[in-house]
PDB file of N, CA and C in Angstrom:
ATOM      1  N   UNK A   1      54.375  41.187  20.402  1.00  0.00           N
ATOM      2  CA  UNK A   1      54.224  39.760  20.609  1.00  0.00           C
ATOM      3  C   UNK A   1      53.224  39.155  19.624  1.00  0.00           C
ATOM      4  N   UNK A   2      52.196  39.914  19.286  1.00  0.00           N
ATOM      5  CA  UNK A   2      51.201  39.402  18.344  1.00  0.00           C
ATOM      6  C   UNK A   2      51.820  39.165  16.975  1.00  0.00           C
ATOM      7  N   UNK A   3      52.682  40.084  16.527  1.00  0.00           N
ATOM      8  CA  UNK A   3      53.340  39.938  15.224  1.00  0.00           C
ATOM      9  C   UNK A   3      54.271  38.725  15.256  1.00  0.00           C
ATOM     10  N   UNK A   4      54.989  38.548  16.354  1.00  0.00           N
ATOM     11  CA  UNK A   4      55.879  37.395  16.492  1.00  0.00           C
ATOM     12  C   UNK A   4      55.092  36.085  16.424  1.00  0.00           C
ATOM     13  N   UNK A   5      53.981  36.021  17.115  1.00  0.00           N
ATOM     14  CA  UNK A   5      53.145  34.814  17.094  1.00  0.00           C
ATOM     15  C   UNK A   5      52.605  34.550  15.689  1.00  0.00           C
ATOM     16  N   UNK A   6      52.163  35.612  15.012  1.00  0.00           N
ATOM     17  CA  UNK A   6      51.625  35.449  13.658  1.00  0.00           C
ATOM     18  C   UNK A   6      52.711  34.951  12.706  1.00  0.00           C
ATOM     19  N   UNK A   7      53.891  35.557  12.764  1.00  0.00           N
ATOM     20  CA  UNK A   7      54.986  35.134  11.886  1.00  0.00           C
ATOM     21  C   UNK A   7      55.399  33.699  12.180  1.00  0.00           C
ATOM     22  N   UNK A   8      55.451  33.344  13.434  1.00  0.00           N
ATOM     23  CA  UNK A   8      55.788  31.966  13.814  1.00  0.00           C
ATOM     24  C   UNK A   8      54.766  30.987  13.261  1.00  0.00           C
ATOM     25  N   UNK A   9      53.484  31.326  13.357  1.00  0.00           N
ATOM     26  CA  UNK A   9      52.435  30.447  12.823  1.00  0.00           C
ATOM     27  C   UNK A   9      52.559  30.298  11.311  1.00  0.00           C
ATOM     28  N   UNK A  10      52.864  31.394  10.618  1.00  0.00           N
ATOM     29  CA  UNK A  10      53.011  31.325   9.165  1.00  0.00           C
ATOM     30  C   UNK A  10      54.174  30.410   8.799  1.00  0.00           C
ATOM     31  N   UNK A  11      55.313  30.619   9.438  1.00  0.00           N
ATOM     32  CA  UNK A  11      56.493  29.801   9.145  1.00  0.00           C
ATOM     33  C   UNK A  11      56.231  28.340   9.477  1.00  0.00           C
ATOM     34  N   UNK A  12      55.684  28.085  10.646  1.00  0.00           N
ATOM     35  CA  UNK A  12      55.487  26.711  11.107  1.00  0.00           C
ATOM     36  C   UNK A  12      54.380  25.994  10.338  1.00  0.00           C
ATOM     37  N   UNK A  13      53.219  26.635  10.216  1.00  0.00           N
ATOM     38  CA  UNK A  13      52.048  25.930   9.677  1.00  0.00           C
ATOM     39  C   UNK A  13      51.856  26.131   8.179  1.00  0.00           C
ATOM     40  N   UNK A  14      51.976  27.361   7.697  1.00  0.00           N
ATOM     41  CA  UNK A  14      51.751  27.602   6.269  1.00  0.00           C
ATOM     42  C   UNK A  14      52.911  27.106   5.423  1.00  0.00           C
ATOM     43  N   UNK A  15      54.134  27.327   5.912  1.00  0.00           N
ATOM     44  CA  UNK A  15      55.321  26.951   5.142  1.00  0.00           C
ATOM     45  C   UNK A  15      55.961  25.647   5.613  1.00  0.00           C
ATOM     46  N   UNK A  16      55.418  25.010   6.640  1.00  0.00           N
ATOM     47  CA  UNK A  16      55.982  23.750   7.105  1.00  0.00           C
ATOM     48  C   UNK A  16      57.436  23.866   7.541  1.00  0.00           C
ATOM     49  N   UNK A  17      57.779  24.980   8.200  1.00  0.00           N
ATOM     50  CA  UNK A  17      59.135  25.260   8.711  1.00  0.00           C
ATOM     51  C   UNK A  17      60.185  25.453   7.624  1.00  0.00           C
ATOM     52  N   UNK A  18      59.782  25.689   6.387  1.00  0.00           N
ATOM     53  CA  UNK A  18      60.760  25.971   5.329  1.00  0.00           C
ATOM     54  C   UNK A  18      61.486  27.276   5.636  1.00  0.00           C
ATOM     55  N   UNK A  19      62.770  27.314   5.350  1.00  0.00           N
ATOM     56  CA  UNK A  19      63.552  28.520   5.618  1.00  0.00           C
ATOM     57  C   UNK A  19      63.765  29.364   4.368  1.00  0.00           C
ATOM     58  N   UNK A  20      63.299  28.899   3.220  1.00  0.00           N
ATOM     59  CA  UNK A  20      63.501  29.636   1.970  1.00  0.00           C
ATOM     60  C   UNK A  20      62.236  30.350   1.494  1.00  0.00           C
ATOM     61  N   UNK A  21      61.230  30.448   2.347  1.00  0.00           N
ATOM     62  CA  UNK A  21      59.950  31.027   1.956  1.00  0.00           C
ATOM     63  C   UNK A  21      59.891  32.505   2.337  1.00  0.00           C
ATOM     64  N   UNK A  22      59.095  33.271   1.590  1.00  0.00           N
ATOM     65  CA  UNK A  22      58.987  34.707   1.828  1.00  0.00           C
ATOM     66  C   UNK A  22      57.849  35.074   2.758  1.00  0.00           C
ATOM     67  N   UNK A  23      58.089  36.133   3.512  1.00  0.00           N
ATOM     68  CA  UNK A  23      57.088  36.674   4.423  1.00  0.00           C
ATOM     69  C   UNK A  23      57.300  38.182   4.461  1.00  0.00           C
ATOM     70  N   UNK A  24      56.264  38.951   4.153  1.00  0.00           N
ATOM     71  CA  UNK A  24      56.372  40.408   4.151  1.00  0.00           C
ATOM     72  C   UNK A  24      55.590  40.981   5.321  1.00  0.00           C
ATOM     73  N   UNK A  25      56.186  41.966   5.976  1.00  0.00           N
ATOM     74  CA  UNK A  25      55.529  42.683   7.064  1.00  0.00           C
ATOM     75  C   UNK A  25      55.492  44.159   6.708  1.00  0.00           C
ATOM     76  N   UNK A  26      54.291  44.733   6.748  1.00  0.00           N
ATOM     77  CA  UNK A  26      54.109  46.160   6.544  1.00  0.00           C
ATOM     78  C   UNK A  26      53.528  46.738   7.821  1.00  0.00           C
ATOM     79  N   UNK A  27      54.101  47.837   8.279  1.00  0.00           N
ATOM     80  CA  UNK A  27      53.598  48.521   9.473  1.00  0.00           C
ATOM     81  C   UNK A  27      53.147  49.909   9.044  1.00  0.00           C
ATOM     82  N   UNK A  28      51.895  50.240   9.398  1.00  0.00           N
ATOM     83  CA  UNK A  28      51.349  51.545   9.058  1.00  0.00           C
ATOM     84  C   UNK A  28      50.887  52.233  10.335  1.00  0.00           C
ATOM     85  N   UNK A  29      51.268  53.493  10.484  1.00  0.00           N
ATOM     86  CA  UNK A  29      50.845  54.284  11.633  1.00  0.00           C
ATOM     87  C   UNK A  29      49.756  55.252  11.197  1.00  0.00           C
ATOM     88  N   UNK A  30      48.685  55.273  11.953  1.00  0.00           N
ATOM     89  CA  UNK A  30      47.573  56.195  11.744  1.00  0.00           C
ATOM     90  C   UNK A  30      47.395  56.999  13.032  1.00  0.00           C
ATOM     91  N   UNK A  31      46.662  58.096  12.990  1.00  0.00           N
ATOM     92  CA  UNK A  31      46.501  58.892  14.217  1.00  0.00           C
ATOM     93  C   UNK A  31      45.903  58.108  15.389  1.00  0.00           C
ATOM     94  N   UNK A  32      45.075  57.120  15.105  1.00  0.00           N
ATOM     95  CA  UNK A  32      44.395  56.398  16.186  1.00  0.00           C
ATOM     96  C   UNK A  32      44.797  54.927  16.336  1.00  0.00           C
ATOM     97  N   UNK A  33      45.757  54.456  15.479  1.00  0.00           N
ATOM     98  CA  UNK A  33      46.061  53.023  15.539  1.00  0.00           C
ATOM     99  C   UNK A  33      47.356  52.699  14.807  1.00  0.00           C
ATOM    100  N   UNK A  34      47.845  51.504  15.071  1.00  0.00           N
ATOM    101  CA  UNK A  34      48.914  50.896  14.292  1.00  0.00           C
ATOM    102  C   UNK A  34      48.337  49.680  13.597  1.00  0.00           C
ATOM    103  N   UNK A  35      48.744  49.455  12.351  1.00  0.00           N
ATOM    104  CA  UNK A  35      48.316  48.264  11.620  1.00  0.00           C
ATOM    105  C   UNK A  35      49.547  47.500  11.159  1.00  0.00           C
ATOM    106  N   UNK A  36      49.556  46.210  11.418  1.00  0.00           N
ATOM    107  CA  UNK A  36      50.622  45.312  11.006  1.00  0.00           C
ATOM    108  C   UNK A  36      50.011  44.334  10.008  1.00  0.00           C
ATOM    109  N   UNK A  37      50.559  44.272   8.801  1.00  0.00           N
ATOM    110  CA  UNK A  37      50.023  43.399   7.765  1.00  0.00           C
ATOM    111  C   UNK A  37      51.108  42.391   7.399  1.00  0.00           C
ATOM    112  N   UNK A  38      50.796  41.106   7.568  1.00  0.00           N
ATOM    113  CA  UNK A  38      51.708  40.031   7.195  1.00  0.00           C
ATOM    114  C   UNK A  38      51.157  39.351   5.959  1.00  0.00           C
ATOM    115  N   UNK A  39      52.002  39.204   4.937  1.00  0.00           N
ATOM    116  CA  UNK A  39      51.593  38.558   3.694  1.00  0.00           C
ATOM    117  C   UNK A  39      52.595  37.467   3.351  1.00  0.00           C
ATOM    118  N   UNK A  40      52.063  36.346   2.891  1.00  0.00           N
ATOM    119  CA  UNK A  40      52.922  35.244   2.466  1.00  0.00           C
ATOM    120  C   UNK A  40      52.416  34.699   1.136  1.00  0.00           C
ATOM    121  N   UNK A  41      53.205  33.824   0.553  1.00  0.00           N
ATOM    122  CA  UNK A  41      52.834  33.187  -0.707  1.00  0.00           C
ATOM    123  C   UNK A  41      52.617  31.686  -0.515  1.00  0.00           C
ATOM    124  N   UNK A  42      52.315  31.295   0.690  1.00  0.00           N
ATOM    125  CA  UNK A  42      52.030  29.888   0.997  1.00  0.00           C
ATOM    126  C   UNK A  42      50.672  29.513   0.406  1.00  0.00           C
ATOM    127  N   UNK A  43      50.382  28.217   0.330  1.00  0.00           N
ATOM    128  CA  UNK A  43      49.039  27.821  -0.103  1.00  0.00           C
ATOM    129  C   UNK A  43      47.981  28.488   0.774  1.00  0.00           C
ATOM    130  N   UNK A  44      46.850  28.819   0.147  1.00  0.00           N
ATOM    131  CA  UNK A  44      45.764  29.479   0.881  1.00  0.00           C
ATOM    132  C   UNK A  44      45.379  28.685   2.117  1.00  0.00           C
ATOM    133  N   UNK A  45      45.223  29.409   3.202  1.00  0.00           N
ATOM    134  CA  UNK A  45      44.772  28.806   4.452  1.00  0.00           C
ATOM    135  C   UNK A  45      43.256  28.878   4.457  1.00  0.00           C
ATOM    136  N   UNK A  46      42.619  27.743   4.535  1.00  0.00           N
ATOM    137  CA  UNK A  46      41.157  27.684   4.558  1.00  0.00           C
ATOM    138  C   UNK A  46      40.673  27.497   5.986  1.00  0.00           C
ATOM    139  N   UNK A  47      39.486  28.004   6.257  1.00  0.00           N
ATOM    140  CA  UNK A  47      38.873  27.759   7.551  1.00  0.00           C
ATOM    141  C   UNK A  47      39.002  28.889   8.545  1.00  0.00           C
ATOM    142  N   UNK A  48      39.679  29.988   8.203  1.00  0.00           N
ATOM    143  CA  UNK A  48      39.806  31.101   9.136  1.00  0.00           C
ATOM    144  C   UNK A  48      38.470  31.816   9.293  1.00  0.00           C
ATOM    145  N   UNK A  49      38.260  32.650  10.244  1.00  0.00           N
ATOM    146  CA  UNK A  49      39.240  32.972  11.259  1.00  0.00           C
ATOM    147  C   UNK A  49      39.430  31.825  12.237  1.00  0.00           C
ATOM    148  N   UNK A  50      40.636  31.738  12.739  1.00  0.00           N
ATOM    149  CA  UNK A  50      40.992  30.633  13.615  1.00  0.00           C
ATOM    150  C   UNK A  50      40.719  31.003  15.060  1.00  0.00           C
ATOM    151  N   UNK A  51      40.184  30.076  15.786  1.00  0.00           N
ATOM    152  CA  UNK A  51      39.837  30.292  17.181  1.00  0.00           C
ATOM    153  C   UNK A  51      40.888  29.621  18.064  1.00  0.00           C
ATOM    154  N   UNK A  52      41.279  30.288  19.154  1.00  0.00           N
ATOM    155  CA  UNK A  52      42.233  29.653  20.064  1.00  0.00           C
ATOM    156  C   UNK A  52      41.592  28.478  20.783  1.00  0.00           C
ATOM    157  N   UNK A  53      42.420  27.530  21.164  1.00  0.00           N
ATOM    158  CA  UNK A  53      41.886  26.402  21.925  1.00  0.00           C
ATOM    159  C   UNK A  53      41.606  26.838  23.348  1.00  0.00           C
ATOM    160  N   UNK A  54      40.833  26.053  24.058  1.00  0.00           N
ATOM    161  CA  UNK A  54      40.464  26.373  25.439  1.00  0.00           C
ATOM    162  C   UNK A  54      41.701  26.371  26.328  1.00  0.00           C
ATOM    163  N   UNK A  55      41.804  27.360  27.196  1.00  0.00           N
ATOM    164  CA  UNK A  55      42.954  27.439  28.098  1.00  0.00           C
ATOM    165  C   UNK A  55      42.983  26.278  29.090  1.00  0.00           C
ATOM    166  N   UNK A  56      41.836  25.671  29.328  1.00  0.00           N
ATOM    167  CA  UNK A  56      41.776  24.524  30.234  1.00  0.00           C
ATOM    168  C   UNK A  56      42.456  23.292  29.643  1.00  0.00           C
ATOM    169  N   UNK A  57      42.648  23.289  28.338  1.00  0.00           N
ATOM    170  CA  UNK A  57      43.313  22.196  27.633  1.00  0.00           C
ATOM    171  C   UNK A  57      44.825  22.394  27.791  1.00  0.00           C
ATOM    172  N   UNK A  58      45.356  21.953  28.926  1.00  0.00           N
ATOM    173  CA  UNK A  58      46.755  22.194  29.274  1.00  0.00           C
ATOM    174  C   UNK A  58      47.687  21.267  28.505  1.00  0.00           C
ATOM    175  N   UNK A  59      48.484  21.878  27.623  1.00  0.00           N
ATOM    176  CA  UNK A  59      49.509  21.172  26.866  1.00  0.00           C
ATOM    177  C   UNK A  59      50.384  22.220  26.201  1.00  0.00           C
ATOM    178  N   UNK A  60      51.585  21.852  25.816  1.00  0.00           N
ATOM    179  CA  UNK A  60      52.476  22.830  25.191  1.00  0.00           C
ATOM    180  C   UNK A  60      51.959  23.279  23.831  1.00  0.00           C
ATOM    181  N   UNK A  61      52.242  24.542  23.497  1.00  0.00           N
ATOM    182  CA  UNK A  61      51.918  25.072  22.176  1.00  0.00           C
ATOM    183  C   UNK A  61      50.439  25.299  21.962  1.00  0.00           C
ATOM    184  N   UNK A  62      50.121  25.812  20.775  1.00  0.00           N
ATOM    185  CA  UNK A  62      48.734  25.975  20.372  1.00  0.00           C
ATOM    186  C   UNK A  62      48.036  27.216  20.886  1.00  0.00           C
ATOM    187  N   UNK A  63      48.783  28.155  21.459  1.00  0.00           N
ATOM    188  CA  UNK A  63      48.145  29.353  22.008  1.00  0.00           C
ATOM    189  C   UNK A  63      48.463  30.616  21.214  1.00  0.00           C
ATOM    190  N   UNK A  64      49.039  30.474  20.026  1.00  0.00           N
ATOM    191  CA  UNK A  64      49.403  31.642  19.221  1.00  0.00           C
ATOM    192  C   UNK A  64      48.227  32.544  18.928  1.00  0.00           C
ATOM    193  N   UNK A  65      47.099  31.979  18.504  1.00  0.00           N
ATOM    194  CA  UNK A  65      45.939  32.819  18.198  1.00  0.00           C
ATOM    195  C   UNK A  65      45.367  33.454  19.464  1.00  0.00           C
ATOM    196  N   UNK A  66      45.458  32.759  20.578  1.00  0.00           N
ATOM    197  CA  UNK A  66      45.014  33.332  21.850  1.00  0.00           C
ATOM    198  C   UNK A  66      45.842  34.572  22.174  1.00  0.00           C
ATOM    199  N   UNK A  67      47.175  34.453  22.080  1.00  0.00           N
ATOM    200  CA  UNK A  67      48.047  35.582  22.386  1.00  0.00           C
ATOM    201  C   UNK A  67      47.853  36.732  21.403  1.00  0.00           C
ATOM    202  N   UNK A  68      47.675  36.430  20.122  1.00  0.00           N
ATOM    203  CA  UNK A  68      47.429  37.504  19.155  1.00  0.00           C
ATOM    204  C   UNK A  68      46.204  38.307  19.568  1.00  0.00           C
ATOM    205  N   UNK A  69      45.148  37.625  19.959  1.00  0.00           N
ATOM    206  CA  UNK A  69      43.918  38.310  20.357  1.00  0.00           C
ATOM    207  C   UNK A  69      44.077  39.074  21.667  1.00  0.00           C
ATOM    208  N   UNK A  70      45.018  38.670  22.514  1.00  0.00           N
ATOM    209  CA  UNK A  70      45.268  39.393  23.765  1.00  0.00           C
ATOM    210  C   UNK A  70      45.985  40.713  23.539  1.00  0.00           C
ATOM    211  N   UNK A  71      46.871  40.759  22.560  1.00  0.00           N
ATOM    212  CA  UNK A  71      47.750  41.910  22.395  1.00  0.00           C
ATOM    213  C   UNK A  71      47.282  42.945  21.379  1.00  0.00           C
ATOM    214  N   UNK A  72      46.354  42.587  20.504  1.00  0.00           N
ATOM    215  CA  UNK A  72      45.840  43.555  19.534  1.00  0.00           C
ATOM    216  C   UNK A  72      44.323  43.599  19.619  1.00  0.00           C
ATOM    217  N   UNK A  73      43.760  44.636  19.026  1.00  0.00           N
ATOM    218  CA  UNK A  73      42.311  44.832  19.094  1.00  0.00           C
ATOM    219  C   UNK A  73      41.562  44.141  17.959  1.00  0.00           C
ATOM    220  N   UNK A  74      42.226  43.931  16.829  1.00  0.00           N
ATOM    221  CA  UNK A  74      41.597  43.250  15.693  1.00  0.00           C
ATOM    222  C   UNK A  74      42.591  42.283  15.067  1.00  0.00           C
ATOM    223  N   UNK A  75      42.092  41.107  14.723  1.00  0.00           N
ATOM    224  CA  UNK A  75      42.844  40.106  13.960  1.00  0.00           C
ATOM    225  C   UNK A  75      41.971  39.762  12.770  1.00  0.00           C
ATOM    226  N   UNK A  76      42.430  40.158  11.562  1.00  0.00           N
ATOM    227  CA  UNK A  76      41.605  39.941  10.360  1.00  0.00           C
ATOM    228  C   UNK A  76      42.385  39.144   9.319  1.00  0.00           C
ATOM    229  N   UNK A  77      41.770  38.077   8.858  1.00  0.00           N
ATOM    230  CA  UNK A  77      42.304  37.293   7.751  1.00  0.00           C
ATOM    231  C   UNK A  77      41.621  37.812   6.488  1.00  0.00           C
ATOM    232  N   UNK A  78      42.405  38.348   5.557  1.00  0.00           N
ATOM    233  CA  UNK A  78      41.836  38.985   4.378  1.00  0.00           C
ATOM    234  C   UNK A  78      42.050  38.109   3.147  1.00  0.00           C
ATOM    235  N   UNK A  79      41.027  38.084   2.308  1.00  0.00           N
ATOM    236  CA  UNK A  79      41.091  37.292   1.081  1.00  0.00           C
ATOM    237  C   UNK A  79      41.939  38.027   0.050  1.00  0.00           C
ATOM    238  N   UNK A  80      42.939  37.343  -0.473  1.00  0.00           N
ATOM    239  CA  UNK A  80      43.802  37.890  -1.524  1.00  0.00           C
ATOM    240  C   UNK A  80      43.891  36.845  -2.631  1.00  0.00           C
ATOM    241  N   UNK A  81      44.202  37.276  -3.866  1.00  0.00           N
ATOM    242  CA  UNK A  81      44.227  36.316  -4.986  1.00  0.00           C
ATOM    243  C   UNK A  81      45.209  35.162  -4.779  1.00  0.00           C
ATOM    244  N   UNK A  82      46.390  35.458  -4.230  1.00  0.00           N
ATOM    245  CA  UNK A  82      47.386  34.417  -3.987  1.00  0.00           C
ATOM    246  C   UNK A  82      47.939  34.569  -2.584  1.00  0.00           C
ATOM    247  N   UNK A  83      48.245  33.464  -1.955  1.00  0.00           N
ATOM    248  CA  UNK A  83      48.829  33.515  -0.623  1.00  0.00           C
ATOM    249  C   UNK A  83      47.815  33.899   0.433  1.00  0.00           C
ATOM    250  N   UNK A  84      48.337  34.497   1.497  1.00  0.00           N
ATOM    251  CA  UNK A  84      47.515  34.837   2.654  1.00  0.00           C
ATOM    252  C   UNK A  84      47.893  36.222   3.162  1.00  0.00           C
ATOM    253  N   UNK A  85      46.906  36.907   3.748  1.00  0.00           N
ATOM    254  CA  UNK A  85      47.151  38.212   4.365  1.00  0.00           C
ATOM    255  C   UNK A  85      46.482  38.237   5.729  1.00  0.00           C
ATOM    256  N   UNK A  86      47.247  38.660   6.716  1.00  0.00           N
ATOM    257  CA  UNK A  86      46.744  38.800   8.081  1.00  0.00           C
ATOM    258  C   UNK A  86      46.976  40.238   8.514  1.00  0.00           C
ATOM    259  N   UNK A  87      45.921  40.898   8.991  1.00  0.00           N
ATOM    260  CA  UNK A  87      46.021  42.282   9.462  1.00  0.00           C
ATOM    261  C   UNK A  87      45.771  42.295  10.970  1.00  0.00           C
ATOM    262  N   UNK A  88      46.726  42.856  11.697  1.00  0.00           N
ATOM    263  CA  UNK A  88      46.619  43.027  13.144  1.00  0.00           C
ATOM    264  C   UNK A  88      46.515  44.524  13.417  1.00  0.00           C
ATOM    265  N   UNK A  89      45.506  44.931  14.193  1.00  0.00           N
ATOM    266  CA  UNK A  89      45.262  46.349  14.450  1.00  0.00           C
ATOM    267  C   UNK A  89      45.286  46.599  15.951  1.00  0.00           C
ATOM    268  N   UNK A  90      46.064  47.596  16.356  1.00  0.00           N
ATOM    269  CA  UNK A  90      46.126  48.013  17.757  1.00  0.00           C
ATOM    270  C   UNK A  90      45.746  49.485  17.825  1.00  0.00           C
ATOM    271  N   UNK A  91      44.624  49.775  18.512  1.00  0.00           N
ATOM    272  CA  UNK A  91      44.158  51.149  18.658  1.00  0.00           C
ATOM    273  C   UNK A  91      44.852  51.821  19.836  1.00  0.00           C
ATOM    274  N   UNK A  92      45.139  53.114  19.683  1.00  0.00           N
ATOM    275  CA  UNK A  92      45.705  53.902  20.773  1.00  0.00           C
ATOM    276  C   UNK A  92      44.574  54.312  21.707  1.00  0.00           C
ATOM    277  N   UNK A  93      44.866  54.434  22.999  1.00  0.00           N
ATOM    278  CA  UNK A  93      43.832  54.960  23.903  1.00  0.00           C
ATOM    279  C   UNK A  93      43.500  56.393  23.519  1.00  0.00           C
ATOM    280  N   UNK A  94      42.236  56.738  23.666  1.00  0.00           N
ATOM    281  CA  UNK A  94      41.833  58.125  23.392  1.00  0.00           C
ATOM    282  C   UNK A  94      42.447  59.041  24.430  1.00  0.00           C
ATOM    283  N   UNK A  95      42.803  60.256  24.026  1.00  0.00           N
ATOM    284  CA  UNK A  95      43.437  61.190  24.946  1.00  0.00           C
ATOM    285  C   UNK A  95      42.525  61.564  26.116  1.00  0.00           C
ATOM    286  N   UNK A  96      41.208  61.528  25.897  1.00  0.00           N
ATOM    287  CA  UNK A  96      40.273  61.880  26.982  1.00  0.00           C
ATOM    288  C   UNK A  96      39.806  60.648  27.742  1.00  0.00           C
ATOM    289  N   UNK A  97      40.467  59.499  27.529  1.00  0.00           N
ATOM    290  CA  UNK A  97      40.087  58.253  28.172  1.00  0.00           C
ATOM    291  C   UNK A  97      40.513  58.258  29.637  1.00  0.00           C
ATOM    292  N   UNK A  98      39.708  57.679  30.531  1.00  0.00           N
ATOM    293  CA  UNK A  98      40.086  57.596  31.951  1.00  0.00           C
ATOM    294  C   UNK A  98      41.414  56.844  32.149  1.00  0.00           C
ATOM    295  N   UNK A  99      41.790  55.978  31.236  1.00  0.00           N
ATOM    296  CA  UNK A  99      43.039  55.226  31.363  1.00  0.00           C
ATOM    297  C   UNK A  99      44.253  56.146  31.267  1.00  0.00           C
ATOM    298  N   UNK A 100      44.084  57.345  30.724  1.00  0.00           N
ATOM    299  CA  UNK A 100      45.197  58.283  30.573  1.00  0.00           C
ATOM    300  C   UNK A 100      45.239  59.357  31.659  1.00  0.00           C
ATOM    301  N   UNK A 101      44.457  59.204  32.712  1.00  0.00           N
ATOM    302  CA  UNK A 101      44.393  60.234  33.738  1.00  0.00           C
ATOM    303  C   UNK A 101      45.506  60.133  34.759  1.00  0.00           C
ATOM    304  N   UNK A 102      46.275  59.073  34.762  1.00  0.00           N
ATOM    305  CA  UNK A 102      47.321  58.912  35.782  1.00  0.00           C
ATOM    306  C   UNK A 102      48.549  59.722  35.489  1.00  0.00           C
TER     307      UNK A 102
END
């Protein structure tokens, strides 16, 4: 869900809903985590990292960054020479973690 929200935000906000724009997704598996990297060639997004709006502010939309932060452990906006890069990291529970005792 975090990757879907990130891609939707890129298409909607960075590309202004253009359908001819490129978006690359790389998925890397490591022993302790998964990393999802989204890269685009849209104009640089300034002002990140972006904070979700308050949940008390009830209105449609605007919760993409909130959901991204709910589903992954790290949301990192990385500086690249052109375009934008977003890295989402989800860590696996440790094998000796109490969460795995069931």
